[in-house]
Amino acid sequence: MAPITPLRIAIIINTDEAEPVRLFKQGYSSIFKTLDPNATVTFYDPVVAQVYPDPNAYDLIVVGGGTYIPGDESSWMVNLRGFLKSMVGTYEGRKMVGICLGHQTLATMLGGNMSYLSSGPELGITEFPLTEQGKEFFGSDTLRLQEFHMRVIDVTPTGFTPLADGGQIFLSEKNTVLTFQGHPEMSNELARFLLSRDSDYVTGESDAERAQIVESGAGRDDGLRVWKRILDWVRE
């Protein structure tokens, strides 16, 4: 098979909050400018505009995180689930990456189970072990990614293989859908912005604890290396 070049990438950002939208776009743009400057990257707004990419027009569709929760019954979330259903049905051969909300929504649609973390929210840069399949896929024993969640997928969705422990990463058995609980796209700036806000993630924490939480979003992670592997996977 001839290599796909330049790549055509669509990114769905699941929030309508101006600053997170700006920082998400900035983070994605920086990643793809570094890894594949010739790639075309187009952003889609499913919340206000409720416009979705034509799967036939792209080599990769990214269903990103956001500031809403899975299971919301608002019209835009219903439409998002309809789009995802078409992607794993009609367009099952198209490569797709789900991140955080995308990961959880896909998993629960496809037989996975989501529950609250008994230990409380997982926040900041976190290292986690990979399964044997994950080690082979990523070429390492562990990954370090930005985490920002209080719910976890504790039952593997039907037709998927776990690439990491703790419901962190799933790969479809058809090798077309890859999902992450963590955020390989999240910059330190976006992580610290989200961690600094008043939210359920920091309820009851002291000022010192909150300052420590904010700083947990700073430092080195494996996001760029993960995206390099994703682009190689798209071209396979």
Protein backbone atom coordinates (compact mmCIF):
# COMPACT_ATOMS: atom_id res chain seq x y z
CA MET A 1 0.00 0.00 0.00
CA ALA A 2 1.37 3.43 -0.96
CA PRO A 3 2.00 5.81 1.94
CA ILE A 4 -0.73 8.34 2.67
CA THR A 5 0.67 11.82 2.19
CA PRO A 6 -0.17 14.48 3.05
CA LEU A 7 -2.47 13.30 5.82
CA ARG A 8 -5.95 14.80 6.13
CA ILE A 9 -6.95 15.08 9.79
CA ALA A 10 -10.30 16.14 11.29
CA ILE A 11 -10.52 17.05 14.97
CA ILE A 12 -13.79 17.29 16.91
CA ILE A 13 -13.38 19.44 20.04
CA ASN A 14 -16.18 18.74 22.51
CA THR A 15 -16.51 22.07 24.25
CA ASP A 16 -17.85 25.55 23.55
CA GLU A 17 -15.73 27.35 26.18
CA ALA A 18 -13.52 29.89 24.42
CA GLU A 19 -10.24 29.45 26.31
CA PRO A 20 -10.21 25.62 26.30
CA VAL A 21 -11.11 25.69 22.58
CA ARG A 22 -8.20 28.05 21.89
CA LEU A 23 -5.75 25.96 23.89
CA PHE A 24 -6.95 22.65 22.43
CA LYS A 25 -6.51 24.03 18.90
CA GLN A 26 -3.12 25.47 19.77
CA GLY A 27 -1.97 22.12 21.19
CA TYR A 28 -3.12 20.05 18.22
CA SER A 29 -1.69 22.54 15.73
CA SER A 30 1.72 22.47 17.44
CA ILE A 31 1.78 18.65 17.48
CA PHE A 32 0.97 18.22 13.81
CA LYS A 33 3.22 21.09 12.70
CA THR A 34 6.06 19.28 14.46
CA LEU A 35 5.30 15.74 13.25
CA ASP A 36 3.84 16.32 9.79
CA PRO A 37 3.98 19.94 8.57
CA ASN A 38 2.24 18.99 5.32
CA ALA A 39 -0.81 17.52 7.02
CA THR A 40 -4.09 19.39 6.71
CA VAL A 41 -5.88 19.82 10.04
CA THR A 42 -9.53 20.89 10.23
CA PHE A 43 -11.41 21.55 13.48
CA TYR A 44 -15.11 20.83 14.03
CA ASP A 45 -17.51 22.21 16.63
CA PRO A 46 -20.15 19.63 17.65
CA VAL A 47 -21.63 21.78 20.44
CA VAL A 48 -22.78 25.06 18.86
CA ALA A 49 -22.40 24.57 15.09
CA GLN A 50 -23.05 20.81 15.42
CA VAL A 51 -21.12 20.18 12.20
CA TYR A 52 -19.23 16.93 11.63
CA PRO A 53 -16.53 15.87 9.17
CA ASP A 54 -17.28 13.82 6.09
CA PRO A 55 -15.47 10.55 6.89
CA ASN A 56 -14.62 10.06 3.21
CA ALA A 57 -12.66 13.32 3.19
CA TYR A 58 -10.19 12.40 5.96
CA ASP A 59 -7.53 9.83 6.78
CA LEU A 60 -7.94 10.31 10.55
CA ILE A 61 -10.82 11.59 12.65
CA VAL A 62 -10.03 12.59 16.25
CA VAL A 63 -12.94 12.73 18.70
CA GLY A 64 -11.37 14.77 21.46
CA GLY A 65 -11.99 15.61 25.06
CA GLY A 66 -13.89 18.61 26.31
CA THR A 67 -15.60 20.09 29.34
CA TYR A 68 -18.81 18.05 29.29
CA ILE A 69 -19.60 14.59 30.65
CA PRO A 70 -20.48 11.45 28.68
CA GLY A 71 -24.14 10.47 28.82
CA ASP A 72 -25.42 14.04 28.60
CA GLU A 73 -28.79 13.95 26.80
CA SER A 74 -28.50 17.38 25.22
CA SER A 75 -29.07 17.47 21.47
CA TRP A 76 -25.41 17.87 20.62
CA MET A 77 -24.39 14.78 22.62
CA VAL A 78 -27.16 12.75 20.99
CA ASN A 79 -25.82 13.90 17.62
CA LEU A 80 -22.26 13.04 18.63
CA ARG A 81 -23.29 9.51 19.55
CA GLY A 82 -25.08 9.24 16.19
CA PHE A 83 -21.89 10.28 14.41
CA LEU A 84 -19.81 7.77 16.37
CA LYS A 85 -22.33 5.03 15.59
CA SER A 86 -21.90 5.74 11.89
CA MET A 87 -18.11 5.73 12.24
CA VAL A 88 -18.00 2.25 13.78
CA GLY A 89 -20.69 0.99 11.40
CA THR A 90 -20.89 2.53 7.95
CA TYR A 91 -17.32 3.90 8.05
CA GLU A 92 -15.64 1.20 10.14
CA GLY A 93 -12.59 1.19 7.87
CA ARG A 94 -11.73 4.83 8.60
CA LYS A 95 -9.09 5.41 11.28
CA MET A 96 -10.45 7.15 14.39
CA VAL A 97 -8.93 8.22 17.72
CA GLY A 98 -11.11 8.90 20.77
CA ILE A 99 -9.74 10.92 23.69
CA CYS A 100 -11.27 11.24 27.18
CA LEU A 101 -14.92 12.06 26.42
CA GLY A 102 -14.48 10.40 23.02
CA HIS A 103 -12.93 7.34 24.68
CA GLN A 104 -15.66 7.04 27.31
CA THR A 105 -18.53 7.67 24.92
CA LEU A 106 -17.32 5.09 22.41
CA ALA A 107 -16.62 2.53 25.12
CA THR A 108 -20.04 2.81 26.75
CA MET A 109 -21.76 2.68 23.35
CA LEU A 110 -19.94 -0.56 22.53
CA GLY A 111 -20.50 -2.62 25.67
CA GLY A 112 -17.99 -1.11 28.07
CA ASN A 113 -18.93 0.04 31.56
CA MET A 114 -18.07 3.39 33.13
CA SER A 115 -17.80 3.98 36.87
CA TYR A 116 -16.39 6.60 39.22
CA LEU A 117 -12.83 6.16 40.44
CA SER A 118 -13.00 5.04 44.06
CA SER A 119 -9.69 6.80 44.77
CA GLY A 120 -10.94 10.15 43.48
CA PRO A 121 -10.00 12.09 40.33
CA GLU A 122 -6.85 11.22 38.41
CA LEU A 123 -5.14 14.50 37.58
CA GLY A 124 -1.92 15.73 36.03
CA ILE A 125 0.89 13.83 34.34
CA THR A 126 0.55 10.16 35.27
CA GLU A 127 2.62 7.10 34.36
CA PHE A 128 0.76 3.84 33.77
CA PRO A 129 1.77 0.34 32.61
CA LEU A 130 0.96 -1.08 29.20
CA THR A 131 -0.33 -4.58 28.50
CA GLU A 132 1.74 -6.96 26.38
CA GLN A 133 -0.19 -5.81 23.31
CA GLY A 134 0.38 -2.20 24.32
CA LYS A 135 4.11 -2.74 24.76
CA GLU A 136 4.28 -4.14 21.26
CA PHE A 137 2.18 -1.30 19.82
CA PHE A 138 4.01 1.61 21.49
CA GLY A 139 7.47 0.05 21.91
CA SER A 140 7.69 0.75 25.65
CA ASP A 141 6.55 -0.69 28.98
CA THR A 142 4.75 2.44 30.23
CA LEU A 143 3.40 5.78 29.07
CA ARG A 144 3.20 9.17 30.77
CA LEU A 145 0.15 11.24 29.79
CA GLN A 146 -1.88 14.15 31.09
CA GLU A 147 -4.94 12.84 32.98
CA PHE A 148 -8.07 14.76 33.83
CA HIS A 149 -10.93 12.46 34.76
CA MET A 150 -12.97 11.07 37.63
CA ARG A 151 -14.63 8.24 35.71
CA VAL A 152 -13.03 5.13 34.26
CA ILE A 153 -13.98 2.39 31.82
CA ASP A 154 -13.79 -0.76 33.94
CA VAL A 155 -15.18 -3.24 31.38
CA THR A 156 -13.50 -3.50 27.99
CA PRO A 157 -15.89 -2.64 25.13
CA THR A 158 -16.86 -5.47 22.80
CA GLY A 159 -14.43 -5.96 19.93
CA PHE A 160 -11.58 -4.06 21.60
CA THR A 161 -8.26 -5.02 23.20
CA PRO A 162 -6.78 -3.15 26.20
CA LEU A 163 -3.36 -1.67 25.43
CA ALA A 164 -2.90 -0.39 29.00
CA ASP A 165 -4.04 -1.29 32.49
CA GLY A 166 -6.92 0.51 34.18
CA GLY A 167 -9.02 1.13 31.07
CA GLN A 168 -6.51 3.69 29.81
CA ILE A 169 -6.19 2.67 26.15
CA PHE A 170 -8.23 0.44 23.84
CA LEU A 171 -7.61 -0.69 20.25
CA SER A 172 -10.35 -2.20 18.12
CA GLU A 173 -9.72 -5.72 16.89
CA LYS A 174 -10.23 -4.39 13.35
CA ASN A 175 -7.32 -1.98 13.98
CA THR A 176 -9.33 1.10 13.02
CA VAL A 177 -10.31 2.70 16.36
CA LEU A 178 -7.81 3.70 19.07
CA THR A 179 -8.97 5.38 22.29
CA PHE A 180 -7.23 7.06 25.22
CA GLN A 181 -8.51 8.00 28.67
CA GLY A 182 -5.54 10.34 29.04
CA HIS A 183 -4.70 13.34 26.88
CA PRO A 184 -1.75 12.98 24.50
CA GLU A 185 -2.81 16.29 22.92
CA MET A 186 -2.88 18.35 26.13
CA SER A 187 -0.18 20.97 26.63
CA ASN A 188 1.14 21.97 30.04
CA GLU A 189 -0.62 25.32 29.56
CA LEU A 190 -4.03 23.73 28.96
CA ALA A 191 -3.56 21.22 31.78
CA ARG A 192 -2.68 23.92 34.30
CA PHE A 193 -5.57 26.10 33.12
CA LEU A 194 -8.11 23.29 33.59
CA LEU A 195 -6.62 22.17 36.90
CA SER A 196 -6.70 25.72 38.31
CA ARG A 197 -10.46 26.17 37.88
CA ASP A 198 -13.10 25.63 40.51
CA SER A 199 -14.70 22.27 39.73
CA ASP A 200 -15.74 18.94 41.19
CA TYR A 201 -12.16 17.79 40.61
CA VAL A 202 -10.81 20.00 43.42
CA THR A 203 -13.80 20.27 45.78
CA GLY A 204 -12.68 20.19 49.39
CA GLU A 205 -8.97 20.62 48.63
CA SER A 206 -6.92 23.16 50.58
CA ASP A 207 -5.11 25.99 48.82
CA ALA A 208 -1.82 24.12 49.17
CA GLU A 209 -3.34 20.93 47.76
CA ARG A 210 -4.86 22.82 44.86
CA ALA A 211 -1.53 24.45 44.08
CA GLN A 212 0.06 21.00 44.04
CA ILE A 213 -2.67 19.72 41.71
CA VAL A 214 -2.04 22.60 39.29
CA GLU A 215 1.68 21.87 39.25
CA SER A 216 0.98 18.19 38.50
CA GLY A 217 0.04 19.31 35.00
CA ALA A 218 3.55 20.64 34.33
CA GLY A 219 6.49 18.58 33.13
CA ARG A 220 7.40 16.00 30.52
CA ASP A 221 4.93 13.55 29.07
CA ASP A 222 4.84 11.14 26.12
CA GLY A 223 2.17 12.94 24.13
CA LEU A 224 4.34 13.75 21.11
CA ARG A 225 5.70 10.20 20.95
CA VAL A 226 2.16 8.83 21.14
CA TRP A 227 1.04 11.05 18.26
CA LYS A 228 4.01 9.94 16.15
CA ARG A 229 2.88 6.34 16.67
CA ILE A 230 -0.73 7.32 15.84
CA LEU A 231 0.34 8.87 12.52
CA ASP A 232 2.39 5.76 11.69
CA TRP A 233 -0.70 3.66 12.54
CA VAL A 234 -2.87 5.76 10.23
CA ARG A 235 -0.44 5.08 7.38
CA GLU A 236 -0.32 1.32 8.01
